[in-house]
Amino acid sequence: MAKSKTPAKRARIAEANRLRNKAYKSRVKTAIKKFEASLASNDIESARARLVEATSLLDRSVTKGILHKNNAARKKSALALKFNKLLQSSN
């Protein structure tokens, strides 16, 4: 544990930030799981709405510095690929 005030405060702040980031990452993962559930049920409109929601959360996580921009881009690309595959199979 830190011996002086400043490192102790930084440790508290780092822990608070870690918990906040963990909660936000959990929100992103939940949105992705909901999107994949919509894909599994072959519901195009629901999947489209969930894709928009997941994409928005991924973009915001980059803005907040929680995810790296390439990580979010890779996840968004994979989600879009899955959605486009569903669209192709429905036609």
C-alpha atoms as a PDB file:
ATOM      1  CA  MET A   1       0.000   0.000   0.000  1.00  0.00           C
ATOM      2  CA  ALA A   2       1.124   3.555  -0.668  1.00  0.00           C
ATOM      3  CA  LYS A   3       2.746   5.426   2.194  1.00  0.00           C
ATOM      4  CA  SER A   4       2.013   9.027   1.254  1.00  0.00           C
ATOM      5  CA  LYS A   5      -1.217  10.793   0.341  1.00  0.00           C
ATOM      6  CA  THR A   6      -0.769  11.269  -3.390  1.00  0.00           C
ATOM      7  CA  PRO A   7      -0.008   7.647  -4.338  1.00  0.00           C
ATOM      8  CA  ALA A   8      -2.832   6.473  -2.091  1.00  0.00           C
ATOM      9  CA  LYS A   9      -5.265   8.793  -3.842  1.00  0.00           C
ATOM     10  CA  ARG A  10      -3.999   7.704  -7.273  1.00  0.00           C
ATOM     11  CA  ALA A  11      -4.534   4.066  -6.246  1.00  0.00           C
ATOM     12  CA  ARG A  12      -8.123   4.851  -5.215  1.00  0.00           C
ATOM     13  CA  ILE A  13      -8.770   6.696  -8.482  1.00  0.00           C
ATOM     14  CA  ALA A  14      -7.221   3.883 -10.542  1.00  0.00           C
ATOM     15  CA  GLU A  15      -9.457   1.334  -8.802  1.00  0.00           C
ATOM     16  CA  ALA A  16     -12.564   3.455  -9.399  1.00  0.00           C
ATOM     17  CA  ASN A  17     -11.632   3.839 -13.078  1.00  0.00           C
ATOM     18  CA  ARG A  18     -10.986   0.102 -13.383  1.00  0.00           C
ATOM     19  CA  LEU A  19     -14.436  -0.702 -12.009  1.00  0.00           C
ATOM     20  CA  ARG A  20     -16.103   1.883 -14.255  1.00  0.00           C
ATOM     21  CA  ASN A  21     -14.295   0.524 -17.328  1.00  0.00           C
ATOM     22  CA  LYS A  22     -15.208  -3.031 -16.351  1.00  0.00           C
ATOM     23  CA  ALA A  23     -18.890  -2.085 -16.110  1.00  0.00           C
ATOM     24  CA  TYR A  24     -18.801  -0.339 -19.490  1.00  0.00           C
ATOM     25  CA  LYS A  25     -17.072  -3.298 -21.149  1.00  0.00           C
ATOM     26  CA  SER A  26     -19.771  -5.519 -19.675  1.00  0.00           C
ATOM     27  CA  ARG A  27     -22.434  -3.286 -21.265  1.00  0.00           C
ATOM     28  CA  VAL A  28     -20.720  -3.631 -24.634  1.00  0.00           C
ATOM     29  CA  LYS A  29     -20.471  -7.416 -24.323  1.00  0.00           C
ATOM     30  CA  THR A  30     -24.140  -7.657 -23.331  1.00  0.00           C
ATOM     31  CA  ALA A  31     -25.161  -5.600 -26.372  1.00  0.00           C
ATOM     32  CA  ILE A  32     -23.119  -7.902 -28.609  1.00  0.00           C
ATOM     33  CA  LYS A  33     -24.723 -10.988 -27.060  1.00  0.00           C
ATOM     34  CA  LYS A  34     -28.195  -9.518 -27.610  1.00  0.00           C
ATOM     35  CA  PHE A  35     -27.285  -8.851 -31.244  1.00  0.00           C
ATOM     36  CA  GLU A  36     -26.104 -12.430 -31.682  1.00  0.00           C
ATOM     37  CA  ALA A  37     -29.320 -13.705 -30.078  1.00  0.00           C
ATOM     38  CA  SER A  38     -31.302 -11.671 -32.625  1.00  0.00           C
ATOM     39  CA  LEU A  39     -29.205 -13.203 -35.383  1.00  0.00           C
ATOM     40  CA  ALA A  40     -29.913 -16.691 -34.068  1.00  0.00           C
ATOM     41  CA  SER A  41     -33.659 -16.022 -34.168  1.00  0.00           C
ATOM     42  CA  ASN A  42     -33.356 -14.723 -37.785  1.00  0.00           C
ATOM     43  CA  ASP A  43     -35.160 -11.496 -36.839  1.00  0.00           C
ATOM     44  CA  ILE A  44     -33.699  -8.947 -39.261  1.00  0.00           C
ATOM     45  CA  GLU A  45     -35.317  -5.809 -37.813  1.00  0.00           C
ATOM     46  CA  SER A  46     -34.355  -6.691 -34.254  1.00  0.00           C
ATOM     47  CA  ALA A  47     -30.834  -7.576 -35.376  1.00  0.00           C
ATOM     48  CA  ARG A  48     -30.527  -4.247 -37.215  1.00  0.00           C
ATOM     49  CA  ALA A  49     -31.568  -2.315 -34.091  1.00  0.00           C
ATOM     50  CA  ARG A  50     -29.201  -4.333 -31.895  1.00  0.00           C
ATOM     51  CA  LEU A  51     -26.372  -3.812 -34.388  1.00  0.00           C
ATOM     52  CA  VAL A  52     -26.856  -0.043 -34.209  1.00  0.00           C
ATOM     53  CA  GLU A  53     -26.896  -0.199 -30.400  1.00  0.00           C
ATOM     54  CA  ALA A  54     -23.748  -2.346 -30.202  1.00  0.00           C
ATOM     55  CA  THR A  55     -21.927  -0.174 -32.743  1.00  0.00           C
ATOM     56  CA  SER A  56     -22.837   2.951 -30.819  1.00  0.00           C
ATOM     57  CA  LEU A  57     -21.569   1.482 -27.544  1.00  0.00           C
ATOM     58  CA  LEU A  58     -18.327   0.382 -29.202  1.00  0.00           C
ATOM     59  CA  ASP A  59     -17.780   3.879 -30.634  1.00  0.00           C
ATOM     60  CA  ARG A  60     -18.452   5.481 -27.261  1.00  0.00           C
ATOM     61  CA  SER A  61     -16.046   3.096 -25.541  1.00  0.00           C
ATOM     62  CA  VAL A  62     -13.317   4.276 -27.921  1.00  0.00           C
ATOM     63  CA  THR A  63     -14.161   7.912 -27.199  1.00  0.00           C
ATOM     64  CA  LYS A  64     -13.974   7.264 -23.460  1.00  0.00           C
ATOM     65  CA  GLY A  65     -10.638   5.475 -23.849  1.00  0.00           C
ATOM     66  CA  ILE A  66     -11.927   2.097 -22.671  1.00  0.00           C
ATOM     67  CA  LEU A  67     -11.222   0.187 -25.890  1.00  0.00           C
ATOM     68  CA  HIS A  68      -8.548   0.776 -28.502  1.00  0.00           C
ATOM     69  CA  LYS A  69      -9.951   2.066 -31.789  1.00  0.00           C
ATOM     70  CA  ASN A  70      -8.657  -0.929 -33.757  1.00  0.00           C
ATOM     71  CA  ASN A  71     -10.208  -3.345 -31.263  1.00  0.00           C
ATOM     72  CA  ALA A  72     -13.600  -1.663 -31.632  1.00  0.00           C
ATOM     73  CA  ALA A  73     -13.239  -1.496 -35.422  1.00  0.00           C
ATOM     74  CA  ARG A  74     -12.488  -5.220 -35.550  1.00  0.00           C
ATOM     75  CA  LYS A  75     -15.549  -6.028 -33.425  1.00  0.00           C
ATOM     76  CA  LYS A  76     -17.806  -3.748 -35.493  1.00  0.00           C
ATOM     77  CA  SER A  77     -16.540  -5.328 -38.690  1.00  0.00           C
ATOM     78  CA  ALA A  78     -17.266  -8.832 -37.396  1.00  0.00           C
ATOM     79  CA  LEU A  79     -20.777  -7.803 -36.329  1.00  0.00           C
ATOM     80  CA  ALA A  80     -21.488  -6.203 -39.709  1.00  0.00           C
ATOM     81  CA  LEU A  81     -20.226  -9.321 -41.484  1.00  0.00           C
ATOM     82  CA  LYS A  82     -22.591 -11.514 -39.462  1.00  0.00           C
ATOM     83  CA  PHE A  83     -25.502  -9.168 -40.146  1.00  0.00           C
ATOM     84  CA  ASN A  84     -24.781  -9.073 -43.889  1.00  0.00           C
ATOM     85  CA  LYS A  85     -24.608 -12.857 -43.928  1.00  0.00           C
ATOM     86  CA  LEU A  86     -28.109 -12.952 -42.374  1.00  0.00           C
ATOM     87  CA  LEU A  87     -29.371 -10.503 -45.021  1.00  0.00           C
ATOM     88  CA  GLN A  88     -27.915 -12.626 -47.824  1.00  0.00           C
ATOM     89  CA  SER A  89     -29.470 -15.810 -46.457  1.00  0.00           C
ATOM     90  CA  SER A  90     -32.900 -14.167 -46.154  1.00  0.00           C
ATOM     91  CA  ASN A  91     -32.965 -13.127 -49.832  1.00  0.00           C
END
